[in-house]
Amino acid sequence: NKPSPNGKFLPQAIAKKFKRTNVLQCLRLNPDDLERMHPSTLENMRVTGLTLTERRSLYVHLIGLGPKWEKNKAEKMTERKWTWYQMMKSNFKENLAPYLRHVDQYGPPENHQGCP
């Protein structure tokens, strides 16, 4: 466990999560650096086991890259990045839908009483 840029250490459970789902490391990178990454680096990142909040954070962090990659997807490498971005976006929206249905049925999280 290495110290963060602020000199503090992450709790062990969070450090393990970052290592296991390495796509979360993208949150610590500048989107401009992500744009220059080779598509295979992005494709090889593990995205399973993410919470809705983590998926939302990734989606918001990458939202500026999507239109750039879409515009240049005629280029083979950029097309692979665009496909990866679309997969991330689709996974986020698939996970968001059940949550929104739950909130519609039981109300906002602070009012959840008797929900499954």
N, C-alpha and C. Protein backbone atom coordinates (compact mmCIF):
# COMPACT_ATOMS: atom_id res chain seq x y z
N ASN A 1 0.85 -1.18 0.00
CA ASN A 1 0.00 0.00 0.00
C ASN A 1 0.90 1.24 0.00
N LYS A 2 0.87 1.98 -1.10
CA LYS A 2 1.68 3.19 -1.24
C LYS A 2 0.91 4.40 -0.75
N PRO A 3 1.61 5.43 -0.30
CA PRO A 3 0.89 6.63 0.14
C PRO A 3 0.24 7.34 -1.05
N SER A 4 -0.88 7.99 -0.79
CA SER A 4 -1.57 8.80 -1.79
C SER A 4 -0.76 10.06 -2.04
N PRO A 5 -1.12 10.83 -3.07
CA PRO A 5 -0.41 12.09 -3.31
C PRO A 5 -0.42 13.03 -2.10
N ASN A 6 -1.42 12.91 -1.23
CA ASN A 6 -1.46 13.77 -0.05
C ASN A 6 -0.64 13.21 1.12
N GLY A 7 0.03 12.07 0.90
CA GLY A 7 0.88 11.48 1.92
C GLY A 7 0.19 10.50 2.84
N LYS A 8 -1.13 10.37 2.71
CA LYS A 8 -1.88 9.45 3.56
C LYS A 8 -2.02 8.10 2.86
N PHE A 9 -2.32 7.08 3.64
CA PHE A 9 -2.51 5.75 3.08
C PHE A 9 -4.00 5.44 2.97
N LEU A 10 -4.36 4.70 1.92
CA LEU A 10 -5.74 4.24 1.78
C LEU A 10 -6.00 3.12 2.77
N PRO A 11 -7.21 3.02 3.29
CA PRO A 11 -7.53 1.86 4.13
C PRO A 11 -7.31 0.57 3.33
N GLN A 12 -6.92 -0.49 3.99
CA GLN A 12 -6.57 -1.74 3.33
C GLN A 12 -7.68 -2.26 2.42
N ALA A 13 -8.93 -2.19 2.87
CA ALA A 13 -10.06 -2.69 2.06
C ALA A 13 -10.18 -1.91 0.75
N ILE A 14 -9.99 -0.61 0.81
CA ILE A 14 -10.10 0.22 -0.39
C ILE A 14 -8.90 -0.03 -1.31
N ALA A 15 -7.72 -0.21 -0.74
CA ALA A 15 -6.52 -0.51 -1.54
C ALA A 15 -6.72 -1.82 -2.30
N LYS A 16 -7.30 -2.83 -1.64
CA LYS A 16 -7.56 -4.11 -2.31
C LYS A 16 -8.57 -3.93 -3.44
N LYS A 17 -9.59 -3.13 -3.20
CA LYS A 17 -10.61 -2.88 -4.23
C LYS A 17 -9.98 -2.19 -5.44
N PHE A 18 -9.10 -1.20 -5.20
CA PHE A 18 -8.43 -0.51 -6.30
C PHE A 18 -7.57 -1.48 -7.10
N LYS A 19 -6.93 -2.42 -6.42
CA LYS A 19 -6.08 -3.39 -7.12
C LYS A 19 -6.93 -4.39 -7.90
N ARG A 20 -8.03 -4.84 -7.30
CA ARG A 20 -8.89 -5.85 -7.93
C ARG A 20 -9.65 -5.26 -9.13
N THR A 21 -10.19 -4.07 -8.99
CA THR A 21 -10.92 -3.41 -10.07
C THR A 21 -10.09 -2.21 -10.52
N ASN A 22 -9.06 -2.52 -11.29
CA ASN A 22 -8.05 -1.51 -11.62
C ASN A 22 -8.58 -0.36 -12.48
N VAL A 23 -9.81 -0.47 -13.00
CA VAL A 23 -10.36 0.64 -13.77
C VAL A 23 -10.56 1.86 -12.88
N LEU A 24 -10.70 1.65 -11.57
CA LEU A 24 -10.86 2.77 -10.65
C LEU A 24 -9.62 3.68 -10.63
N GLN A 25 -8.48 3.14 -11.03
CA GLN A 25 -7.27 3.95 -11.09
C GLN A 25 -7.41 5.07 -12.12
N CYS A 26 -8.32 4.90 -13.07
CA CYS A 26 -8.56 5.95 -14.07
C CYS A 26 -9.04 7.23 -13.41
N LEU A 27 -9.71 7.11 -12.27
CA LEU A 27 -10.23 8.28 -11.58
C LEU A 27 -9.10 9.19 -11.08
N ARG A 28 -7.92 8.62 -10.93
CA ARG A 28 -6.78 9.40 -10.45
C ARG A 28 -5.94 9.96 -11.59
N LEU A 29 -6.34 9.66 -12.84
CA LEU A 29 -5.61 10.13 -14.00
C LEU A 29 -6.36 11.28 -14.66
N ASN A 30 -5.60 12.15 -15.26
CA ASN A 30 -6.17 13.23 -16.04
C ASN A 30 -6.82 12.63 -17.29
N PRO A 31 -8.03 13.03 -17.66
CA PRO A 31 -8.66 12.49 -18.87
C PRO A 31 -7.80 12.66 -20.12
N ASP A 32 -6.99 13.70 -20.18
CA ASP A 32 -6.10 13.88 -21.33
C ASP A 32 -5.09 12.74 -21.41
N ASP A 33 -4.63 12.24 -20.26
CA ASP A 33 -3.71 11.10 -20.25
C ASP A 33 -4.43 9.84 -20.69
N LEU A 34 -5.69 9.70 -20.29
CA LEU A 34 -6.48 8.53 -20.71
C LEU A 34 -6.69 8.55 -22.22
N GLU A 35 -6.85 9.73 -22.77
CA GLU A 35 -7.08 9.85 -24.21
C GLU A 35 -5.89 9.33 -25.01
N ARG A 36 -4.69 9.50 -24.46
CA ARG A 36 -3.47 9.08 -25.15
C ARG A 36 -3.11 7.61 -24.91
N MET A 37 -3.83 6.95 -24.00
CA MET A 37 -3.53 5.54 -23.71
C MET A 37 -3.82 4.65 -24.91
N HIS A 38 -3.09 3.56 -24.98
CA HIS A 38 -3.35 2.56 -26.01
C HIS A 38 -4.67 1.87 -25.68
N PRO A 39 -5.49 1.56 -26.67
CA PRO A 39 -6.79 0.95 -26.39
C PRO A 39 -6.70 -0.37 -25.62
N SER A 40 -5.65 -1.13 -25.83
CA SER A 40 -5.53 -2.41 -25.12
C SER A 40 -5.38 -2.20 -23.61
N THR A 41 -4.79 -1.09 -23.21
CA THR A 41 -4.67 -0.78 -21.79
C THR A 41 -6.05 -0.59 -21.18
N LEU A 42 -6.91 0.13 -21.87
CA LEU A 42 -8.27 0.34 -21.39
C LEU A 42 -9.07 -0.96 -21.42
N GLU A 43 -8.94 -1.71 -22.51
CA GLU A 43 -9.70 -2.95 -22.66
C GLU A 43 -9.34 -4.00 -21.61
N ASN A 44 -8.12 -3.95 -21.12
CA ASN A 44 -7.66 -4.95 -20.14
C ASN A 44 -7.97 -4.57 -18.71
N MET A 45 -8.59 -3.43 -18.50
CA MET A 45 -8.94 -3.03 -17.13
C MET A 45 -10.16 -3.81 -16.66
N ARG A 46 -10.10 -4.25 -15.41
CA ARG A 46 -11.20 -5.03 -14.84
C ARG A 46 -12.30 -4.09 -14.36
N VAL A 47 -13.51 -4.37 -14.81
CA VAL A 47 -14.64 -3.50 -14.49
C VAL A 47 -15.74 -4.23 -13.72
N THR A 48 -15.52 -5.48 -13.37
CA THR A 48 -16.55 -6.23 -12.64
C THR A 48 -16.54 -5.85 -11.17
N GLY A 49 -17.70 -5.96 -10.55
CA GLY A 49 -17.80 -5.71 -9.11
C GLY A 49 -17.85 -4.26 -8.71
N LEU A 50 -18.10 -3.36 -9.65
CA LEU A 50 -18.18 -1.94 -9.32
C LEU A 50 -19.55 -1.61 -8.75
N THR A 51 -19.58 -0.71 -7.80
CA THR A 51 -20.85 -0.23 -7.27
C THR A 51 -21.42 0.80 -8.24
N LEU A 52 -22.67 1.16 -8.04
CA LEU A 52 -23.30 2.18 -8.88
C LEU A 52 -22.56 3.51 -8.75
N THR A 53 -22.14 3.85 -7.55
CA THR A 53 -21.41 5.10 -7.32
C THR A 53 -20.08 5.10 -8.07
N GLU A 54 -19.37 3.97 -8.05
CA GLU A 54 -18.09 3.87 -8.77
C GLU A 54 -18.31 3.98 -10.28
N ARG A 55 -19.35 3.31 -10.77
CA ARG A 55 -19.67 3.40 -12.21
C ARG A 55 -20.02 4.83 -12.60
N ARG A 56 -20.81 5.49 -11.75
CA ARG A 56 -21.18 6.89 -12.03
C ARG A 56 -19.93 7.77 -12.03
N SER A 57 -19.04 7.57 -11.10
CA SER A 57 -17.81 8.37 -11.04
C SER A 57 -17.00 8.19 -12.31
N LEU A 58 -16.86 6.96 -12.77
CA LEU A 58 -16.11 6.71 -14.01
C LEU A 58 -16.80 7.37 -15.21
N TYR A 59 -18.11 7.22 -15.27
CA TYR A 59 -18.86 7.80 -16.39
C TYR A 59 -18.66 9.31 -16.44
N VAL A 60 -18.79 9.97 -15.30
CA VAL A 60 -18.63 11.43 -15.25
C VAL A 60 -17.19 11.82 -15.58
N HIS A 61 -16.22 11.04 -15.09
CA HIS A 61 -14.81 11.34 -15.34
C HIS A 61 -14.47 11.21 -16.83
N LEU A 62 -15.11 10.26 -17.51
CA LEU A 62 -14.79 9.99 -18.91
C LEU A 62 -15.73 10.69 -19.89
N ILE A 63 -16.74 11.40 -19.40
CA ILE A 63 -17.78 11.93 -20.27
C ILE A 63 -17.24 12.87 -21.35
N GLY A 64 -16.18 13.56 -21.10
CA GLY A 64 -15.61 14.46 -22.11
C GLY A 64 -14.88 13.72 -23.22
N LEU A 65 -14.44 12.49 -22.95
CA LEU A 65 -13.70 11.74 -23.95
C LEU A 65 -14.62 11.07 -24.97
N GLY A 66 -15.83 10.71 -24.54
CA GLY A 66 -16.75 10.02 -25.43
C GLY A 66 -16.97 10.72 -26.77
N PRO A 67 -17.35 12.00 -26.76
CA PRO A 67 -17.56 12.69 -28.04
C PRO A 67 -16.29 12.78 -28.89
N LYS A 68 -15.13 12.93 -28.25
CA LYS A 68 -13.87 12.99 -29.01
C LYS A 68 -13.62 11.66 -29.71
N TRP A 69 -13.80 10.56 -28.96
CA TRP A 69 -13.57 9.24 -29.54
C TRP A 69 -14.61 8.92 -30.60
N GLU A 70 -15.84 9.37 -30.40
CA GLU A 70 -16.87 9.12 -31.41
C GLU A 70 -16.55 9.85 -32.71
N LYS A 71 -16.08 11.08 -32.58
CA LYS A 71 -15.76 11.90 -33.75
C LYS A 71 -14.63 11.27 -34.57
N ASN A 72 -13.69 10.63 -33.90
CA ASN A 72 -12.51 10.08 -34.58
C ASN A 72 -12.55 8.57 -34.70
N LYS A 73 -13.74 7.95 -34.58
CA LYS A 73 -13.78 6.49 -34.55
C LYS A 73 -13.52 5.85 -35.90
N ALA A 74 -13.33 6.62 -36.96
CA ALA A 74 -12.92 6.06 -38.24
C ALA A 74 -11.52 5.47 -38.13
N GLU A 75 -10.72 6.00 -37.22
CA GLU A 75 -9.38 5.47 -36.96
C GLU A 75 -9.55 4.21 -36.07
N LYS A 76 -8.87 3.14 -36.43
CA LYS A 76 -9.07 1.84 -35.78
C LYS A 76 -8.81 1.89 -34.27
N MET A 77 -7.74 2.51 -33.85
CA MET A 77 -7.40 2.57 -32.42
C MET A 77 -8.44 3.37 -31.64
N THR A 78 -8.88 4.46 -32.21
CA THR A 78 -9.89 5.29 -31.55
C THR A 78 -11.24 4.57 -31.51
N GLU A 79 -11.53 3.78 -32.53
CA GLU A 79 -12.76 3.01 -32.54
C GLU A 79 -12.79 2.02 -31.36
N ARG A 80 -11.65 1.42 -31.06
CA ARG A 80 -11.57 0.51 -29.92
C ARG A 80 -11.82 1.25 -28.60
N LYS A 81 -11.28 2.45 -28.48
CA LYS A 81 -11.52 3.26 -27.28
C LYS A 81 -13.00 3.62 -27.19
N TRP A 82 -13.61 3.99 -28.32
CA TRP A 82 -15.02 4.35 -28.36
C TRP A 82 -15.88 3.14 -27.93
N THR A 83 -15.53 1.96 -28.40
CA THR A 83 -16.26 0.75 -28.04
C THR A 83 -16.15 0.50 -26.54
N TRP A 84 -14.97 0.68 -25.98
CA TRP A 84 -14.76 0.50 -24.54
C TRP A 84 -15.59 1.52 -23.76
N TYR A 85 -15.57 2.76 -24.21
CA TYR A 85 -16.36 3.82 -23.55
C TYR A 85 -17.85 3.49 -23.60
N GLN A 86 -18.34 3.02 -24.75
CA GLN A 86 -19.74 2.66 -24.88
C GLN A 86 -20.11 1.52 -23.94
N MET A 87 -19.20 0.57 -23.76
CA MET A 87 -19.43 -0.54 -22.83
C MET A 87 -19.54 -0.01 -21.40
N MET A 88 -18.66 0.90 -21.02
CA MET A 88 -18.70 1.48 -19.68
C MET A 88 -20.01 2.26 -19.48
N LYS A 89 -20.39 3.04 -20.47
CA LYS A 89 -21.62 3.84 -20.41
C LYS A 89 -22.84 2.92 -20.31
N SER A 90 -22.86 1.88 -21.11
CA SER A 90 -23.98 0.94 -21.11
C SER A 90 -24.10 0.22 -19.77
N ASN A 91 -22.97 -0.22 -19.21
CA ASN A 91 -22.98 -0.88 -17.90
C ASN A 91 -23.51 0.06 -16.82
N PHE A 92 -23.11 1.31 -16.87
CA PHE A 92 -23.60 2.28 -15.89
C PHE A 92 -25.11 2.43 -16.00
N LYS A 93 -25.61 2.61 -17.21
CA LYS A 93 -27.05 2.82 -17.40
C LYS A 93 -27.85 1.57 -17.04
N GLU A 94 -27.30 0.38 -17.32
CA GLU A 94 -27.97 -0.87 -16.94
C GLU A 94 -28.08 -0.99 -15.42
N ASN A 95 -27.07 -0.54 -14.70
CA ASN A 95 -27.10 -0.60 -13.24
C ASN A 95 -27.93 0.52 -12.63
N LEU A 96 -28.04 1.63 -13.34
CA LEU A 96 -28.81 2.76 -12.85
C LEU A 96 -30.32 2.49 -12.92
N ALA A 97 -30.76 1.80 -13.95
CA ALA A 97 -32.20 1.57 -14.16
C ALA A 97 -32.86 0.87 -12.96
N PRO A 98 -32.32 -0.24 -12.43
CA PRO A 98 -32.98 -0.87 -11.27
C PRO A 98 -33.00 0.04 -10.04
N TYR A 99 -31.95 0.82 -9.86
CA TYR A 99 -31.91 1.74 -8.73
C TYR A 99 -33.03 2.78 -8.85
N LEU A 100 -33.19 3.35 -10.04
CA LEU A 100 -34.23 4.35 -10.25
C LEU A 100 -35.62 3.75 -10.06
N ARG A 101 -35.82 2.51 -10.52
CA ARG A 101 -37.10 1.84 -10.30
C ARG A 101 -37.36 1.66 -8.80
N HIS A 102 -36.31 1.30 -8.06
CA HIS A 102 -36.43 1.11 -6.62
C HIS A 102 -36.81 2.43 -5.93
N VAL A 103 -36.15 3.52 -6.33
CA VAL A 103 -36.45 4.83 -5.75
C VAL A 103 -37.88 5.26 -6.10
N ASP A 104 -38.31 4.96 -7.33
CA ASP A 104 -39.69 5.28 -7.70
C ASP A 104 -40.69 4.53 -6.83
N GLN A 105 -40.37 3.28 -6.51
CA GLN A 105 -41.29 2.46 -5.74
C GLN A 105 -41.28 2.80 -4.25
N TYR A 106 -40.07 3.03 -3.68
CA TYR A 106 -39.94 3.20 -2.23
C TYR A 106 -39.58 4.61 -1.79
N GLY A 107 -39.35 5.50 -2.72
CA GLY A 107 -38.99 6.87 -2.37
C GLY A 107 -37.48 7.04 -2.24
N PRO A 108 -37.04 8.25 -1.89
CA PRO A 108 -35.61 8.52 -1.76
C PRO A 108 -34.98 7.65 -0.67
N PRO A 109 -33.68 7.41 -0.75
CA PRO A 109 -33.01 6.52 0.20
C PRO A 109 -33.28 6.83 1.68
N GLU A 110 -33.38 8.10 2.04
CA GLU A 110 -33.61 8.43 3.45
C GLU A 110 -35.01 8.04 3.93
N ASN A 111 -35.92 7.75 2.99
CA ASN A 111 -37.29 7.38 3.35
C ASN A 111 -37.57 5.88 3.19
N HIS A 112 -36.56 5.09 2.89
CA HIS A 112 -36.76 3.66 2.66
C HIS A 112 -37.13 2.94 3.94
N GLN A 113 -38.36 2.51 3.99
CA GLN A 113 -38.82 1.69 5.12
C GLN A 113 -39.55 0.49 4.53
N GLY A 114 -39.10 -0.67 4.90
CA GLY A 114 -39.74 -1.89 4.42
C GLY A 114 -39.37 -2.26 2.99
N CYS A 115 -38.31 -1.68 2.47
CA CYS A 115 -37.90 -2.05 1.12
C CYS A 115 -36.99 -3.27 1.20
N PRO A 116 -36.92 -4.04 0.11
CA PRO A 116 -36.08 -5.24 0.14
C PRO A 116 -34.60 -4.91 0.15
